[in-house]
Every structure is written in C-alpha cells, then in structure tokens.
Amino acid sequence: MTLPELNLANHFLIAMPSMLDPVFGGTVVYICEHNVNGALGVVINKPTNMTMEVLFERIELSLEMAPIASKAIMFGGPVQDDRGFVLHAPSGTYSSSLKVTEELAFTTSRDVLEEVASGLGPERLLVSVGYSGWSPGQLESEIARNGWLTVLADPIVIFDLPIEDRYLAAIKLLGIDPMMLAAEAGHA
C-alpha cells in the first residue's frame, strides 16, 4: 500500500517551541506550493526593519496608498533573500503568479507592486524578501522529527492580525493550548 502524497499547500507550518533554529525558530510559514519537487513558503511573522515606503523608494515606484506605507516587509526565508515576493488576495493577472487558493496568490513579478503603487493592486498583501524552500522529502522529514506543526491556513492570520499575534493565532487554529506543547514527540 502506498501512502498518499502529502500536500501542505495553503497550510501554515508552525515552528515547535523547541525549535531553536535562528532562521525558523518562532515562525509561522505559509506554504504556497508543495509537491514531489519540494515545498515553497513565506514566513509571515518575522518583520525586517524595512517598510513598504522604503521598499517602494528602492524600486523607484511612488506609493499612492498611504495606509500601507508603514507596513513592515517580512523576512520570507533564506532563499533568494535579495528578491521580493508578494502573498496577496488575487486581484489581477500578473506575469509570474501562482494561484494557491481562491483567496491567496503568490507573485514574484514586479507588476503586482506597480499596481499596488498606483492604488489598483490587491489591498490585502504581505510583501517579503526571500522565501523558504525545501527539497523533495526534506519538509516531510522535518515534520516527522517534530520540528513543525501543520494546520490549514486562515488568511485572517496573514492579513488582519498584528505580526506579533500571528504565531499564537496559528497555534490556536489547531484547537490546542500553546502551553501544552511538548518539546519531544511521544511514542507508545
């Protein structure tokens, strides 16, 4: 009997409290794609010291949407940390975009930021520098070693909650008390 392929697209990976990794400790990662080639996601709760306003100045776009100017840019992960990535509510057609669900898309092309700058782009968005990636089988192995909890993602956690509340909110989606998490996996 073969096991069904694990597909964690549109799920949160929640770092176990015991994870001391300096990159992923205390993080929540939104998984955009997961298949036989590996997994790709974006950390949603690790802000950089850069704001949307600074980012738009650097890429030479004038940001017309003042309410988002002070929003923090996230550290999405250690892969391609010199490039920007946008997790957003689908609102248009962009040259390099992956529709994850009806409510979420992941775009790597500048055109989405150009639309945001003009005030026509998605209002619900999270911009990151870098992304998180796993080679085939790597994520499954980390989960088996009790490194991550997984739960179906909720866009409210990504777009509507303060950054500092996202970790506990993601854990609460599991229906458990975060204080009850054990550092070690149990074996009967």
Protein backbone atom coordinates (compact mmCIF):
# COMPACT_ATOMS: atom_id res chain seq x y z
CA MET A 1 0.00 0.00 0.00
CA THR A 2 1.41 3.39 -0.95
CA LEU A 3 0.75 6.41 1.19
CA PRO A 4 -0.99 9.37 -0.40
CA GLU A 5 1.30 12.25 -1.31
CA LEU A 6 1.40 14.90 1.40
CA ASN A 7 0.34 18.29 0.05
CA LEU A 8 0.64 21.15 2.52
CA ALA A 9 -0.13 23.97 0.08
CA ASN A 10 -2.38 26.52 1.83
CA HIS A 11 -1.23 25.33 5.25
CA PHE A 12 0.73 27.01 8.00
CA LEU A 13 3.91 25.43 9.27
CA ILE A 14 4.25 26.43 12.89
CA ALA A 15 7.70 26.04 14.40
CA MET A 16 7.57 23.91 17.52
CA PRO A 17 8.57 25.88 20.65
CA SER A 18 11.60 23.59 20.94
CA MET A 19 12.93 24.73 17.55
CA LEU A 20 16.00 26.82 18.29
CA ASP A 21 16.97 27.40 14.66
CA PRO A 22 17.92 31.10 14.31
CA VAL A 23 16.10 31.34 10.96
CA PHE A 24 12.90 29.44 11.70
CA GLY A 25 12.55 29.41 15.50
CA GLY A 26 9.24 31.03 16.50
CA THR A 27 7.98 31.34 12.94
CA VAL A 28 4.82 30.65 11.02
CA VAL A 29 5.37 29.79 7.35
CA TYR A 30 2.58 29.92 4.79
CA ILE A 31 3.12 27.10 2.27
CA CYS A 32 2.39 28.27 -1.28
CA GLU A 33 3.39 25.10 -3.11
CA HIS A 34 4.17 21.53 -2.04
CA ASN A 35 4.68 18.64 -4.43
CA VAL A 36 7.18 15.95 -5.39
CA ASN A 37 9.72 18.67 -6.22
CA GLY A 38 9.69 20.05 -2.68
CA ALA A 39 7.97 22.93 -0.90
CA LEU A 40 7.95 26.72 -1.11
CA GLY A 41 6.60 29.10 1.50
CA VAL A 42 6.86 32.51 3.13
CA VAL A 43 7.44 33.35 6.79
CA ILE A 44 4.52 35.58 7.82
CA ASN A 45 5.64 36.72 11.27
CA LYS A 46 9.27 37.83 11.05
CA PRO A 47 9.44 41.51 10.08
CA THR A 48 12.52 43.15 8.65
CA ASN A 49 13.42 46.73 9.52
CA MET A 50 12.21 47.81 6.06
CA THR A 51 8.77 49.32 5.43
CA MET A 52 6.68 49.34 2.27
CA GLU A 53 7.57 53.01 1.81
CA VAL A 54 11.32 52.24 1.86
CA LEU A 55 10.89 49.26 -0.48
CA PHE A 56 8.93 51.32 -2.99
CA GLU A 57 11.57 54.06 -2.90
CA ARG A 58 14.28 51.45 -3.58
CA ILE A 59 12.46 50.06 -6.59
CA GLU A 60 11.67 53.57 -7.78
CA LEU A 61 7.89 53.40 -7.51
CA SER A 62 5.74 56.09 -5.92
CA LEU A 63 3.44 54.56 -3.31
CA GLU A 64 -0.01 56.17 -3.53
CA MET A 65 -1.60 54.01 -0.84
CA ALA A 66 -0.53 55.89 2.31
CA PRO A 67 -2.16 53.45 4.78
CA ILE A 68 0.26 50.68 3.80
CA ALA A 69 3.42 52.83 3.71
CA SER A 70 4.37 51.92 7.28
CA LYS A 71 3.67 48.17 6.91
CA ALA A 72 6.73 46.04 7.58
CA ILE A 73 8.32 43.90 4.90
CA MET A 74 8.65 40.31 6.13
CA PHE A 75 11.72 38.11 6.11
CA GLY A 76 10.14 35.38 3.97
CA GLY A 77 13.05 32.98 4.30
CA PRO A 78 16.69 32.46 3.45
CA VAL A 79 16.24 31.61 -0.25
CA GLN A 80 16.73 34.48 -2.73
CA ASP A 81 16.71 36.99 0.12
CA ASP A 82 17.64 39.75 -2.32
CA ARG A 83 14.29 39.46 -4.16
CA GLY A 84 10.77 40.46 -3.26
CA PHE A 85 7.77 38.16 -3.08
CA VAL A 86 4.13 39.08 -2.60
CA LEU A 87 1.45 37.00 -0.93
CA HIS A 88 -1.90 38.60 -1.73
CA ALA A 89 -5.59 38.29 -2.39
CA PRO A 90 -5.98 37.59 -6.10
CA SER A 91 -6.98 40.80 -7.84
CA GLY A 92 -5.46 40.73 -11.29
CA THR A 93 -3.31 38.87 -13.74
CA TYR A 94 0.42 39.15 -13.17
CA SER A 95 3.26 37.83 -15.28
CA SER A 96 4.63 35.48 -12.62
CA SER A 97 1.92 34.44 -10.20
CA LEU A 98 0.83 31.20 -8.56
CA LYS A 99 -2.82 31.00 -7.51
CA VAL A 100 -2.75 28.97 -4.31
CA THR A 101 -6.47 29.24 -3.46
CA GLU A 102 -9.43 31.45 -4.36
CA GLU A 103 -8.27 33.76 -1.55
CA LEU A 104 -4.47 33.69 -1.93
CA ALA A 105 -1.88 34.06 -4.66
CA PHE A 106 1.93 34.23 -4.60
CA THR A 107 3.53 36.62 -7.07
CA THR A 108 7.19 37.11 -7.89
CA SER A 109 6.90 39.73 -10.63
CA ARG A 110 7.20 43.49 -10.25
CA ASP A 111 3.86 44.17 -11.95
CA VAL A 112 1.90 43.43 -8.76
CA LEU A 113 3.92 46.10 -6.91
CA GLU A 114 3.37 48.54 -9.77
CA GLU A 115 -0.39 48.07 -9.37
CA VAL A 116 -0.13 48.43 -5.58
CA ALA A 117 1.84 51.66 -6.07
CA SER A 118 -0.88 53.07 -8.31
CA GLY A 119 -3.61 52.12 -5.85
CA LEU A 120 -5.10 49.47 -8.17
CA GLY A 121 -3.39 46.37 -6.77
CA PRO A 122 -4.55 43.99 -4.08
CA GLU A 123 -5.39 45.66 -0.78
CA ARG A 124 -4.65 42.53 1.23
CA LEU A 125 -0.99 41.73 0.78
CA LEU A 126 2.16 40.65 2.57
CA VAL A 127 5.47 41.52 0.95
CA SER A 128 8.61 39.59 1.84
CA VAL A 129 12.23 39.50 0.94
CA GLY A 130 13.28 35.93 0.37
CA TYR A 131 11.27 32.76 0.67
CA SER A 132 11.52 29.40 2.40
CA GLY A 133 12.23 26.31 0.36
CA TRP A 134 12.61 22.60 0.99
CA SER A 135 13.99 19.94 -1.33
CA PRO A 136 11.95 16.77 -2.04
CA GLY A 137 11.24 14.92 1.21
CA GLN A 138 13.05 17.50 3.40
CA LEU A 139 9.91 19.09 4.86
CA GLU A 140 8.28 15.71 5.48
CA SER A 141 11.42 14.66 7.36
CA GLU A 142 11.39 17.82 9.50
CA ILE A 143 7.72 17.26 10.35
CA ALA A 144 8.42 13.61 11.25
CA ARG A 145 11.19 14.81 13.61
CA ASN A 146 8.64 17.02 15.42
CA GLY A 147 10.03 20.29 14.04
CA TRP A 148 6.74 21.68 12.74
CA LEU A 149 3.04 21.64 13.44
CA THR A 150 0.76 21.97 10.41
CA VAL A 151 -2.71 23.41 10.11
CA LEU A 152 -4.93 24.66 7.29
CA ALA A 153 -4.13 28.34 6.78
CA ASP A 154 -6.50 31.19 7.53
CA PRO A 155 -6.00 34.42 5.53
CA ILE A 156 -7.14 36.44 8.57
CA VAL A 157 -3.93 35.41 10.37
CA ILE A 158 -1.82 36.58 7.41
CA PHE A 159 -3.53 39.85 6.57
CA ASP A 160 -5.60 41.06 9.52
CA LEU A 161 -3.66 40.27 12.70
CA PRO A 162 -0.72 42.20 14.10
CA ILE A 163 2.57 40.45 13.33
CA GLU A 164 3.24 39.66 16.98
CA ASP A 165 -0.12 37.81 17.30
CA ARG A 166 0.27 35.51 14.29
CA TYR A 167 2.22 32.69 15.96
CA LEU A 168 -0.29 32.12 18.79
CA ALA A 169 -3.23 32.61 16.41
CA ALA A 170 -1.85 29.90 14.11
CA ILE A 171 -1.40 27.50 17.04
CA LYS A 172 -4.94 28.22 18.22
CA LEU A 173 -6.22 27.10 14.78
CA LEU A 174 -5.18 23.61 15.93
CA GLY A 175 -7.61 23.87 18.85
CA ILE A 176 -4.88 23.36 21.45
CA ASP A 177 -3.40 25.41 24.26
CA PRO A 178 0.11 26.52 23.21
CA MET A 179 1.32 25.90 26.77
CA MET A 180 0.51 22.18 26.35
CA LEU A 181 3.01 21.63 23.53
CA ALA A 182 5.75 19.15 24.38
CA ALA A 183 9.25 19.54 23.04
CA GLU A 184 9.56 15.84 22.22
CA ALA A 185 7.37 13.52 20.18
CA GLY A 186 5.69 10.78 22.15
CA HIS A 187 5.97 7.12 21.23
CA ALA A 188 3.69 4.39 22.53
